[in-house]
All heavy atoms as atom14 arrays in JSON, in Angstrom:
{
  "sequence": "NPCLRCNEKIKFEAVLDRALALGFDAVATGHHARVEGGVLRRSPDQGK",
  "atom14_mask": [
    [1, 1, 1, 1, 1, 1, 1, 1, 0, 0, 0, 0, 0, 0],
    [1, 1, 1, 1, 1, 1, 1, 0, 0, 0, 0, 0, 0, 0],
    [1, 1, 1, 1, 1, 1, 0, 0, 0, 0, 0, 0, 0, 0],
    [1, 1, 1, 1, 1, 1, 1, 1, 0, 0, 0, 0, 0, 0],
    [1, 1, 1, 1, 1, 1, 1, 1, 1, 1, 1, 0, 0, 0],
    [1, 1, 1, 1, 1, 1, 0, 0, 0, 0, 0, 0, 0, 0],
    [1, 1, 1, 1, 1, 1, 1, 1, 0, 0, 0, 0, 0, 0],
    [1, 1, 1, 1, 1, 1, 1, 1, 1, 0, 0, 0, 0, 0],
    [1, 1, 1, 1, 1, 1, 1, 1, 1, 0, 0, 0, 0, 0],
    [1, 1, 1, 1, 1, 1, 1, 1, 0, 0, 0, 0, 0, 0],
    [1, 1, 1, 1, 1, 1, 1, 1, 1, 0, 0, 0, 0, 0],
    [1, 1, 1, 1, 1, 1, 1, 1, 1, 1, 1, 0, 0, 0],
    [1, 1, 1, 1, 1, 1, 1, 1, 1, 0, 0, 0, 0, 0],
    [1, 1, 1, 1, 1, 0, 0, 0, 0, 0, 0, 0, 0, 0],
    [1, 1, 1, 1, 1, 1, 1, 0, 0, 0, 0, 0, 0, 0],
    [1, 1, 1, 1, 1, 1, 1, 1, 0, 0, 0, 0, 0, 0],
    [1, 1, 1, 1, 1, 1, 1, 1, 0, 0, 0, 0, 0, 0],
    [1, 1, 1, 1, 1, 1, 1, 1, 1, 1, 1, 0, 0, 0],
    [1, 1, 1, 1, 1, 0, 0, 0, 0, 0, 0, 0, 0, 0],
    [1, 1, 1, 1, 1, 1, 1, 1, 0, 0, 0, 0, 0, 0],
    [1, 1, 1, 1, 1, 0, 0, 0, 0, 0, 0, 0, 0, 0],
    [1, 1, 1, 1, 1, 1, 1, 1, 0, 0, 0, 0, 0, 0],
    [1, 1, 1, 1, 0, 0, 0, 0, 0, 0, 0, 0, 0, 0],
    [1, 1, 1, 1, 1, 1, 1, 1, 1, 1, 1, 0, 0, 0],
    [1, 1, 1, 1, 1, 1, 1, 1, 0, 0, 0, 0, 0, 0],
    [1, 1, 1, 1, 1, 0, 0, 0, 0, 0, 0, 0, 0, 0],
    [1, 1, 1, 1, 1, 1, 1, 0, 0, 0, 0, 0, 0, 0],
    [1, 1, 1, 1, 1, 0, 0, 0, 0, 0, 0, 0, 0, 0],
    [1, 1, 1, 1, 1, 1, 1, 0, 0, 0, 0, 0, 0, 0],
    [1, 1, 1, 1, 0, 0, 0, 0, 0, 0, 0, 0, 0, 0],
    [1, 1, 1, 1, 1, 1, 1, 1, 1, 1, 0, 0, 0, 0],
    [1, 1, 1, 1, 1, 1, 1, 1, 1, 1, 0, 0, 0, 0],
    [1, 1, 1, 1, 1, 0, 0, 0, 0, 0, 0, 0, 0, 0],
    [1, 1, 1, 1, 1, 1, 1, 1, 1, 1, 1, 0, 0, 0],
    [1, 1, 1, 1, 1, 1, 1, 0, 0, 0, 0, 0, 0, 0],
    [1, 1, 1, 1, 1, 1, 1, 1, 1, 0, 0, 0, 0, 0],
    [1, 1, 1, 1, 0, 0, 0, 0, 0, 0, 0, 0, 0, 0],
    [1, 1, 1, 1, 0, 0, 0, 0, 0, 0, 0, 0, 0, 0],
    [1, 1, 1, 1, 1, 1, 1, 0, 0, 0, 0, 0, 0, 0],
    [1, 1, 1, 1, 1, 1, 1, 1, 0, 0, 0, 0, 0, 0],
    [1, 1, 1, 1, 1, 1, 1, 1, 1, 1, 1, 0, 0, 0],
    [1, 1, 1, 1, 1, 1, 1, 1, 1, 1, 1, 0, 0, 0],
    [1, 1, 1, 1, 1, 1, 0, 0, 0, 0, 0, 0, 0, 0],
    [1, 1, 1, 1, 1, 1, 1, 0, 0, 0, 0, 0, 0, 0],
    [1, 1, 1, 1, 1, 1, 1, 1, 0, 0, 0, 0, 0, 0],
    [1, 1, 1, 1, 1, 1, 1, 1, 1, 0, 0, 0, 0, 0],
    [1, 1, 1, 1, 0, 0, 0, 0, 0, 0, 0, 0, 0, 0],
    [1, 1, 1, 1, 1, 1, 1, 1, 1, 0, 0, 0, 0, 0]
  ],
  "atom14_positions": [
    [[17.77, -16.92, -13.72], [16.37, -17.27, -13.91], [15.72, -16.11, -14.67], [15.41, -15.08, -14.08], [15.68, -17.47, -12.55], [14.23, -17.94, -12.7], [13.48, -17.42, -13.52], [13.84, -18.92, -11.92], [0.0, 0.0, 0.0], [0.0, 0.0, 0.0], [0.0, 0.0, 0.0], [0.0, 0.0, 0.0], [0.0, 0.0, 0.0], [0.0, 0.0, 0.0]],
    [[15.52, -16.25, -15.99], [15.02, -15.11, -16.78], [13.59, -14.7, -16.43], [13.25, -13.52, -16.57], [15.13, -15.61, -18.22], [15.13, -17.1, -18.11], [15.83, -17.42, -16.83], [0.0, 0.0, 0.0], [0.0, 0.0, 0.0], [0.0, 0.0, 0.0], [0.0, 0.0, 0.0], [0.0, 0.0, 0.0], [0.0, 0.0, 0.0], [0.0, 0.0, 0.0]],
    [[12.76, -15.64, -15.98], [11.39, -15.27, -15.59], [11.41, -14.36, -14.37], [10.65, -13.38, -14.29], [10.57, -16.52, -15.31], [10.25, -17.53, -16.76], [0.0, 0.0, 0.0], [0.0, 0.0, 0.0], [0.0, 0.0, 0.0], [0.0, 0.0, 0.0], [0.0, 0.0, 0.0], [0.0, 0.0, 0.0], [0.0, 0.0, 0.0], [0.0, 0.0, 0.0]],
    [[12.27, -14.67, -13.43], [12.42, -13.84, -12.24], [12.91, -12.45, -12.63], [12.4, -11.43, -12.16], [13.38, -14.51, -11.27], [13.61, -13.9, -9.9], [13.91, -15.0, -8.89], [14.76, -12.93, -9.93], [0.0, 0.0, 0.0], [0.0, 0.0, 0.0], [0.0, 0.0, 0.0], [0.0, 0.0, 0.0], [0.0, 0.0, 0.0], [0.0, 0.0, 0.0]],
    [[13.89, -12.4, -13.53], [14.43, -11.11, -13.96], [13.38, -10.31, -14.72], [13.3, -9.08, -14.6], [15.66, -11.34, -14.84], [16.52, -10.12, -15.03], [17.13, -9.64, -13.72], [17.96, -10.65, -13.11], [17.93, -10.97, -11.83], [17.1, -10.34, -11.0], [18.7, -11.92, -11.34], [0.0, 0.0, 0.0], [0.0, 0.0, 0.0], [0.0, 0.0, 0.0]],
    [[12.54, -10.99, -15.52], [11.48, -10.3, -16.26], [10.47, -9.69, -15.3], [10.02, -8.56, -15.49], [10.8, -11.28, -17.21], [9.54, -10.52, -18.27], [0.0, 0.0, 0.0], [0.0, 0.0, 0.0], [0.0, 0.0, 0.0], [0.0, 0.0, 0.0], [0.0, 0.0, 0.0], [0.0, 0.0, 0.0], [0.0, 0.0, 0.0], [0.0, 0.0, 0.0]],
    [[10.1, -10.43, -14.26], [9.18, -9.87, -13.26], [9.79, -8.64, -12.6], [9.12, -7.62, -12.41], [8.86, -10.91, -12.19], [7.92, -11.99, -12.69], [7.1, -11.74, -13.56], [8.05, -13.19, -12.16], [0.0, 0.0, 0.0], [0.0, 0.0, 0.0], [0.0, 0.0, 0.0], [0.0, 0.0, 0.0], [0.0, 0.0, 0.0], [0.0, 0.0, 0.0]],
    [[11.06, -8.74, -12.26], [11.73, -7.64, -11.55], [11.9, -6.42, -12.43], [11.52, -5.3, -12.03], [13.1, -8.11, -11.07], [13.91, -7.02, -10.38], [15.34, -7.46, -10.1], [15.78, -8.48, -10.66], [16.02, -6.76, -9.33], [0.0, 0.0, 0.0], [0.0, 0.0, 0.0], [0.0, 0.0, 0.0], [0.0, 0.0, 0.0], [0.0, 0.0, 0.0]],
    [[12.46, -6.59, -13.61], [12.87, -5.46, -14.44], [11.8, -4.98, -15.42], [11.78, -3.8, -15.77], [14.13, -5.83, -15.23], [15.35, -6.1, -14.35], [15.79, -4.85, -13.63], [17.08, -5.09, -12.87], [17.53, -3.86, -12.15], [0.0, 0.0, 0.0], [0.0, 0.0, 0.0], [0.0, 0.0, 0.0], [0.0, 0.0, 0.0], [0.0, 0.0, 0.0]],
    [[10.93, -5.87, -15.87], [9.94, -5.49, -16.88], [8.56, -5.27, -16.25], [8.06, -4.14, -16.18], [9.86, -6.55, -17.99], [11.25, -6.82, -18.58], [8.89, -6.09, -19.08], [11.93, -5.62, -19.2], [0.0, 0.0, 0.0], [0.0, 0.0, 0.0], [0.0, 0.0, 0.0], [0.0, 0.0, 0.0], [0.0, 0.0, 0.0], [0.0, 0.0, 0.0]],
    [[7.95, -6.33, -15.73], [6.57, -6.23, -15.28], [6.38, -5.35, -14.05], [5.36, -4.68, -13.9], [6.01, -7.63, -15.02], [5.91, -8.46, -16.29], [5.49, -9.89, -15.99], [5.48, -10.71, -17.27], [5.21, -12.14, -17.0], [0.0, 0.0, 0.0], [0.0, 0.0, 0.0], [0.0, 0.0, 0.0], [0.0, 0.0, 0.0], [0.0, 0.0, 0.0]],
    [[7.38, -5.36, -13.14], [7.19, -4.6, -11.9], [8.24, -3.51, -11.72], [8.47, -3.05, -10.62], [7.16, -5.55, -10.7], [5.92, -6.38, -10.68], [5.93, -7.66, -11.21], [4.73, -5.88, -10.19], [4.79, -8.44, -11.21], [3.58, -6.64, -10.19], [3.61, -7.93, -10.71], [0.0, 0.0, 0.0], [0.0, 0.0, 0.0], [0.0, 0.0, 0.0]],
    [[8.87, -3.11, -12.78], [9.71, -1.92, -12.75], [9.32, -1.04, -13.92], [8.68, 0.0, -13.74], [11.19, -2.28, -12.81], [12.11, -1.06, -12.61], [13.57, -1.45, -12.47], [13.9, -2.21, -11.55], [14.38, -0.97, -13.3], [0.0, 0.0, 0.0], [0.0, 0.0, 0.0], [0.0, 0.0, 0.0], [0.0, 0.0, 0.0], [0.0, 0.0, 0.0]],
    [[9.62, -1.47, -15.13], [9.29, -0.65, -16.31], [7.78, -0.45, -16.45], [7.31, 0.68, -16.61], [9.87, -1.31, -17.56], [0.0, 0.0, 0.0], [0.0, 0.0, 0.0], [0.0, 0.0, 0.0], [0.0, 0.0, 0.0], [0.0, 0.0, 0.0], [0.0, 0.0, 0.0], [0.0, 0.0, 0.0], [0.0, 0.0, 0.0], [0.0, 0.0, 0.0]],
    [[7.01, -1.53, -16.38], [5.56, -1.42, -16.58], [4.9, -0.69, -15.42], [4.08, 0.21, -15.62], [4.93, -2.81, -16.78], [3.41, -2.71, -16.8], [5.43, -3.43, -18.08], [0.0, 0.0, 0.0], [0.0, 0.0, 0.0], [0.0, 0.0, 0.0], [0.0, 0.0, 0.0], [0.0, 0.0, 0.0], [0.0, 0.0, 0.0], [0.0, 0.0, 0.0]],
    [[5.25, -1.06, -14.19], [4.63, -0.41, -13.04], [4.98, 1.07, -13.0], [4.12, 1.91, -12.72], [5.07, -1.1, -11.75], [4.5, -0.51, -10.45], [2.98, -0.51, -10.46], [5.01, -1.29, -9.24], [0.0, 0.0, 0.0], [0.0, 0.0, 0.0], [0.0, 0.0, 0.0], [0.0, 0.0, 0.0], [0.0, 0.0, 0.0], [0.0, 0.0, 0.0]],
    [[6.23, 1.41, -13.27], [6.62, 2.83, -13.28], [5.8, 3.61, -14.3], [5.33, 4.72, -14.01], [8.11, 2.96, -13.6], [9.01, 2.55, -12.44], [8.46, 2.31, -11.34], [10.23, 2.46, -12.64], [0.0, 0.0, 0.0], [0.0, 0.0, 0.0], [0.0, 0.0, 0.0], [0.0, 0.0, 0.0], [0.0, 0.0, 0.0], [0.0, 0.0, 0.0]],
    [[5.63, 3.05, -15.49], [4.85, 3.75, -16.52], [3.38, 3.82, -16.12], [2.73, 4.86, -16.33], [4.99, 3.04, -17.87], [4.28, 3.76, -19.0], [4.33, 3.02, -20.32], [5.68, 2.92, -20.86], [5.94, 2.41, -22.07], [4.94, 1.98, -22.85], [7.18, 2.35, -22.51], [0.0, 0.0, 0.0], [0.0, 0.0, 0.0], [0.0, 0.0, 0.0]],
    [[2.87, 2.74, -15.55], [1.47, 2.72, -15.14], [1.18, 3.81, -14.09], [0.19, 4.55, -14.19], [1.1, 1.35, -14.58], [0.0, 0.0, 0.0], [0.0, 0.0, 0.0], [0.0, 0.0, 0.0], [0.0, 0.0, 0.0], [0.0, 0.0, 0.0], [0.0, 0.0, 0.0], [0.0, 0.0, 0.0], [0.0, 0.0, 0.0], [0.0, 0.0, 0.0]],
    [[2.04, 3.91, -13.09], [1.84, 4.94, -12.06], [1.95, 6.34, -12.64], [1.19, 7.24, -12.27], [2.86, 4.74, -10.93], [2.73, 3.44, -10.12], [3.85, 3.34, -9.09], [1.37, 3.34, -9.45], [0.0, 0.0, 0.0], [0.0, 0.0, 0.0], [0.0, 0.0, 0.0], [0.0, 0.0, 0.0], [0.0, 0.0, 0.0], [0.0, 0.0, 0.0]],
    [[2.88, 6.52, -13.58], [3.04, 7.83, -14.23], [1.8, 8.2, -15.03], [1.49, 9.39, -15.18], [4.27, 7.83, -15.13], [0.0, 0.0, 0.0], [0.0, 0.0, 0.0], [0.0, 0.0, 0.0], [0.0, 0.0, 0.0], [0.0, 0.0, 0.0], [0.0, 0.0, 0.0], [0.0, 0.0, 0.0], [0.0, 0.0, 0.0], [0.0, 0.0, 0.0]],
    [[1.08, 7.2, -15.55], [-0.13, 7.44, -16.34], [-1.38, 7.55, -15.47], [-2.48, 7.71, -15.99], [-0.32, 6.32, -17.36], [0.71, 6.28, -18.51], [0.53, 5.02, -19.33], [0.57, 7.53, -19.38], [0.0, 0.0, 0.0], [0.0, 0.0, 0.0], [0.0, 0.0, 0.0], [0.0, 0.0, 0.0], [0.0, 0.0, 0.0], [0.0, 0.0, 0.0]],
    [[-1.22, 7.44, -14.17], [-2.35, 7.62, -13.27], [-3.03, 6.35, -12.82], [-4.08, 6.4, -12.16], [0.0, 0.0, 0.0], [0.0, 0.0, 0.0], [0.0, 0.0, 0.0], [0.0, 0.0, 0.0], [0.0, 0.0, 0.0], [0.0, 0.0, 0.0], [0.0, 0.0, 0.0], [0.0, 0.0, 0.0], [0.0, 0.0, 0.0], [0.0, 0.0, 0.0]],
    [[-2.47, 5.19, -13.16], [-3.04, 3.94, -12.66], [-2.65, 3.75, -11.2], [-1.61, 4.22, -10.74], [-2.53, 2.75, -13.48], [-3.12, 2.67, -14.86], [-2.46, 3.23, -15.95], [-4.33, 2.03, -15.08], [-3.0, 3.17, -17.22], [-4.89, 1.97, -16.36], [-4.21, 2.54, -17.43], [0.0, 0.0, 0.0], [0.0, 0.0, 0.0], [0.0, 0.0, 0.0]],
    [[-3.51, 3.04, -10.48], [-3.24, 2.78, -9.06], [-2.47, 1.49, -8.84], [-1.76, 1.36, -7.83], [-4.57, 2.7, -8.29], [-5.37, 3.98, -8.37], [-4.84, 5.03, -7.96], [-6.51, 3.93, -8.86], [0.0, 0.0, 0.0], [0.0, 0.0, 0.0], [0.0, 0.0, 0.0], [0.0, 0.0, 0.0], [0.0, 0.0, 0.0], [0.0, 0.0, 0.0]],
    [[-2.62, 0.55, -9.76], [-2.0, -0.76, -9.55], [-1.85, -1.5, -10.87], [-2.49, -1.16, -11.87], [-2.84, -1.59, -8.58], [0.0, 0.0, 0.0], [0.0, 0.0, 0.0], [0.0, 0.0, 0.0], [0.0, 0.0, 0.0], [0.0, 0.0, 0.0], [0.0, 0.0, 0.0], [0.0, 0.0, 0.0], [0.0, 0.0, 0.0], [0.0, 0.0, 0.0]],
    [[-1.0, -2.53, -10.84], [-0.85, -3.45, -11.96], [-1.31, -4.82, -11.49], [-0.94, -5.28, -10.41], [0.62, -3.52, -12.43], [0.83, -4.7, -13.39], [1.02, -2.22, -13.11], [0.0, 0.0, 0.0], [0.0, 0.0, 0.0], [0.0, 0.0, 0.0], [0.0, 0.0, 0.0], [0.0, 0.0, 0.0], [0.0, 0.0, 0.0], [0.0, 0.0, 0.0]],
    [[-2.15, -5.47, -12.31], [-2.63, -6.81, -12.01], [-2.02, -7.8, -12.98], [-1.89, -7.51, -14.18], [-4.16, -6.87, -12.1], [0.0, 0.0, 0.0], [0.0, 0.0, 0.0], [0.0, 0.0, 0.0], [0.0, 0.0, 0.0], [0.0, 0.0, 0.0], [0.0, 0.0, 0.0], [0.0, 0.0, 0.0], [0.0, 0.0, 0.0], [0.0, 0.0, 0.0]],
    [[-1.62, -8.96, -12.49], [-1.09, -10.02, -13.34], [-1.75, -11.34, -12.97], [-2.44, -11.45, -11.96], [0.44, -10.17, -13.19], [0.73, -10.78, -11.93], [1.15, -8.83, -13.3], [0.0, 0.0, 0.0], [0.0, 0.0, 0.0], [0.0, 0.0, 0.0], [0.0, 0.0, 0.0], [0.0, 0.0, 0.0], [0.0, 0.0, 0.0], [0.0, 0.0, 0.0]],
    [[-1.49, -12.35, -13.78], [-2.07, -13.67, -13.55], [-1.19, -14.6, -12.76], [-1.36, -15.82, -12.83], [0.0, 0.0, 0.0], [0.0, 0.0, 0.0], [0.0, 0.0, 0.0], [0.0, 0.0, 0.0], [0.0, 0.0, 0.0], [0.0, 0.0, 0.0], [0.0, 0.0, 0.0], [0.0, 0.0, 0.0], [0.0, 0.0, 0.0], [0.0, 0.0, 0.0]],
    [[-0.25, -14.06, -11.99], [0.62, -14.91, -11.19], [-0.18, -15.64, -10.1], [-1.12, -15.1, -9.52], [1.71, -14.08, -10.51], [2.79, -13.63, -11.44], [2.83, -12.37, -11.97], [3.86, -14.29, -11.94], [3.9, -12.26, -12.75], [4.53, -13.41, -12.76], [0.0, 0.0, 0.0], [0.0, 0.0, 0.0], [0.0, 0.0, 0.0], [0.0, 0.0, 0.0]],
    [[0.24, -16.87, -9.83], [-0.37, -17.65, -8.75], [0.39, -17.36, -7.46], [1.36, -18.03, -7.1], [-0.33, -19.14, -9.1], [-1.38, -19.55, -10.09], [-2.56, -20.14, -9.74], [-1.42, -19.39, -11.43], [-3.29, -20.36, -10.81], [-2.62, -19.92, -11.86], [0.0, 0.0, 0.0], [0.0, 0.0, 0.0], [0.0, 0.0, 0.0], [0.0, 0.0, 0.0]],
    [[-0.05, -16.33, -6.79], [0.51, -15.89, -5.51], [-0.5, -14.95, -4.89], [-1.49, -14.56, -5.53], [1.86, -15.21, -5.7], [0.0, 0.0, 0.0], [0.0, 0.0, 0.0], [0.0, 0.0, 0.0], [0.0, 0.0, 0.0], [0.0, 0.0, 0.0], [0.0, 0.0, 0.0], [0.0, 0.0, 0.0], [0.0, 0.0, 0.0], [0.0, 0.0, 0.0]],
    [[-0.27, -14.59, -3.63], [-1.2, -13.69, -2.93], [-0.45, -12.5, -2.36], [0.71, -12.62, -1.95], [-1.89, -14.44, -1.79], [-2.82, -15.54, -2.22], [-3.4, -16.29, -1.03], [-2.4, -17.17, -0.42], [-2.59, -17.86, 0.7], [-3.73, -17.72, 1.36], [-1.65, -18.65, 1.17], [0.0, 0.0, 0.0], [0.0, 0.0, 0.0], [0.0, 0.0, 0.0]],
    [[-1.1, -11.35, -2.38], [-0.61, -10.18, -1.66], [-1.69, -9.79, -0.66], [-2.82, -9.47, -1.06], [-0.29, -9.0, -2.59], [0.04, -7.76, -1.76], [0.87, -9.33, -3.5], [0.0, 0.0, 0.0], [0.0, 0.0, 0.0], [0.0, 0.0, 0.0], [0.0, 0.0, 0.0], [0.0, 0.0, 0.0], [0.0, 0.0, 0.0], [0.0, 0.0, 0.0]],
    [[-1.35, -9.83, 0.61], [-2.29, -9.48, 1.67], [-1.62, -8.5, 2.6], [-0.59, -8.82, 3.21], [-2.75, -10.74, 2.42], [-3.48, -11.74, 1.53], [-3.83, -13.03, 2.24], [-3.45, -13.16, 3.43], [-4.45, -13.9, 1.62], [0.0, 0.0, 0.0], [0.0, 0.0, 0.0], [0.0, 0.0, 0.0], [0.0, 0.0, 0.0], [0.0, 0.0, 0.0]],
    [[-2.18, -7.3, 2.69], [-1.57, -6.27, 3.53], [-0.18, -5.89, 3.08], [0.67, -5.55, 3.9], [0.0, 0.0, 0.0], [0.0, 0.0, 0.0], [0.0, 0.0, 0.0], [0.0, 0.0, 0.0], [0.0, 0.0, 0.0], [0.0, 0.0, 0.0], [0.0, 0.0, 0.0], [0.0, 0.0, 0.0], [0.0, 0.0, 0.0], [0.0, 0.0, 0.0]],
    [[0.06, -5.97, 1.76], [1.37, -5.62, 1.22], [2.41, -6.71, 1.37], [3.58, -6.51, 1.04], [0.0, 0.0, 0.0], [0.0, 0.0, 0.0], [0.0, 0.0, 0.0], [0.0, 0.0, 0.0], [0.0, 0.0, 0.0], [0.0, 0.0, 0.0], [0.0, 0.0, 0.0], [0.0, 0.0, 0.0], [0.0, 0.0, 0.0], [0.0, 0.0, 0.0]],
    [[1.99, -7.88, 1.85], [2.91, -9.0, 2.07], [2.64, -10.1, 1.06], [1.49, -10.44, 0.77], [2.75, -9.56, 3.51], [3.55, -10.82, 3.7], [3.18, -8.5, 4.52], [0.0, 0.0, 0.0], [0.0, 0.0, 0.0], [0.0, 0.0, 0.0], [0.0, 0.0, 0.0], [0.0, 0.0, 0.0], [0.0, 0.0, 0.0], [0.0, 0.0, 0.0]],
    [[3.7, -10.66, 0.49], [3.6, -11.71, -0.53], [3.49, -13.07, 0.14], [4.3, -13.41, 1.01], [4.83, -11.65, -1.44], [4.92, -12.67, -2.58], [3.78, -12.47, -3.57], [6.27, -12.55, -3.27], [0.0, 0.0, 0.0], [0.0, 0.0, 0.0], [0.0, 0.0, 0.0], [0.0, 0.0, 0.0], [0.0, 0.0, 0.0], [0.0, 0.0, 0.0]],
    [[2.52, -13.86, -0.32], [2.32, -15.21, 0.23], [2.17, -16.23, -0.9], [1.83, -15.9, -2.02], [1.07, -15.23, 1.13], [1.15, -14.32, 2.33], [-0.12, -14.39, 3.15], [-0.34, -15.73, 3.67], [-1.49, -16.13, 4.21], [-2.52, -15.3, 4.25], [-1.63, -17.36, 4.67], [0.0, 0.0, 0.0], [0.0, 0.0, 0.0], [0.0, 0.0, 0.0]],
    [[2.4, -17.49, -0.56], [2.27, -18.56, -1.54], [0.82, -18.75, -1.99], [-0.12, -18.42, -1.26], [2.76, -19.89, -0.94], [4.27, -19.99, -0.76], [4.63, -21.42, -0.43], [6.04, -21.63, -0.14], [6.98, -21.82, -1.07], [6.64, -21.81, -2.34], [8.24, -22.01, -0.73], [0.0, 0.0, 0.0], [0.0, 0.0, 0.0], [0.0, 0.0, 0.0]],
    [[0.67, -19.34, -3.17], [-0.64, -19.76, -3.66], [-1.02, -21.07, -2.98], [-0.15, -21.88, -2.63], [-0.58, -19.98, -5.17], [-1.68, -20.73, -5.64], [0.0, 0.0, 0.0], [0.0, 0.0, 0.0], [0.0, 0.0, 0.0], [0.0, 0.0, 0.0], [0.0, 0.0, 0.0], [0.0, 0.0, 0.0], [0.0, 0.0, 0.0], [0.0, 0.0, 0.0]],
    [[-2.31, -21.34, -2.81], [-2.71, -22.64, -2.26], [-2.44, -23.79, -3.23], [-2.37, -24.94, -2.82], [-4.22, -22.47, -2.02], [-4.63, -21.37, -2.94], [-3.46, -20.45, -3.02], [0.0, 0.0, 0.0], [0.0, 0.0, 0.0], [0.0, 0.0, 0.0], [0.0, 0.0, 0.0], [0.0, 0.0, 0.0], [0.0, 0.0, 0.0], [0.0, 0.0, 0.0]],
    [[-2.27, -23.47, -4.51], [-1.92, -24.48, -5.51], [-0.4, -24.6, -5.54], [0.29, -23.89, -6.27], [-2.46, -24.08, -6.89], [-2.3, -25.18, -7.94], [-1.48, -26.09, -7.71], [-2.99, -25.12, -8.97], [0.0, 0.0, 0.0], [0.0, 0.0, 0.0], [0.0, 0.0, 0.0], [0.0, 0.0, 0.0], [0.0, 0.0, 0.0], [0.0, 0.0, 0.0]],
    [[0.13, -25.5, -4.73], [1.58, -25.61, -4.58], [2.29, -25.94, -5.88], [3.42, -25.52, -6.11], [1.92, -26.66, -3.52], [1.49, -26.28, -2.11], [2.17, -25.01, -1.62], [3.39, -24.92, -1.63], [1.37, -24.02, -1.21], [0.0, 0.0, 0.0], [0.0, 0.0, 0.0], [0.0, 0.0, 0.0], [0.0, 0.0, 0.0], [0.0, 0.0, 0.0]],
    [[1.61, -26.67, -6.76], [2.22, -27.03, -8.03], [2.38, -25.85, -8.97], [3.21, -25.89, -9.89], [0.0, 0.0, 0.0], [0.0, 0.0, 0.0], [0.0, 0.0, 0.0], [0.0, 0.0, 0.0], [0.0, 0.0, 0.0], [0.0, 0.0, 0.0], [0.0, 0.0, 0.0], [0.0, 0.0, 0.0], [0.0, 0.0, 0.0], [0.0, 0.0, 0.0]],
    [[1.6, -24.8, -8.76], [1.65, -23.62, -9.63], [2.13, -22.36, -8.91], [2.2, -21.28, -9.51], [0.26, -23.35, -10.24], [-0.19, -24.4, -11.24], [0.71, -24.41, -12.47], [0.26, -25.43, -13.49], [1.16, -25.46, -14.67], [0.0, 0.0, 0.0], [0.0, 0.0, 0.0], [0.0, 0.0, 0.0], [0.0, 0.0, 0.0], [0.0, 0.0, 0.0]]
  ]
}
């Protein structure tokens, strides 16, 4: 699943690592999902 691999290796490894090194606190994306208390949860829009 290349989208899954892109999230893992690019958006939340390469990009996040560089962002933290540059002094950013977080990376925001347009994914339809929730993070609450550091825990990942589904979006209420089940189709997306």
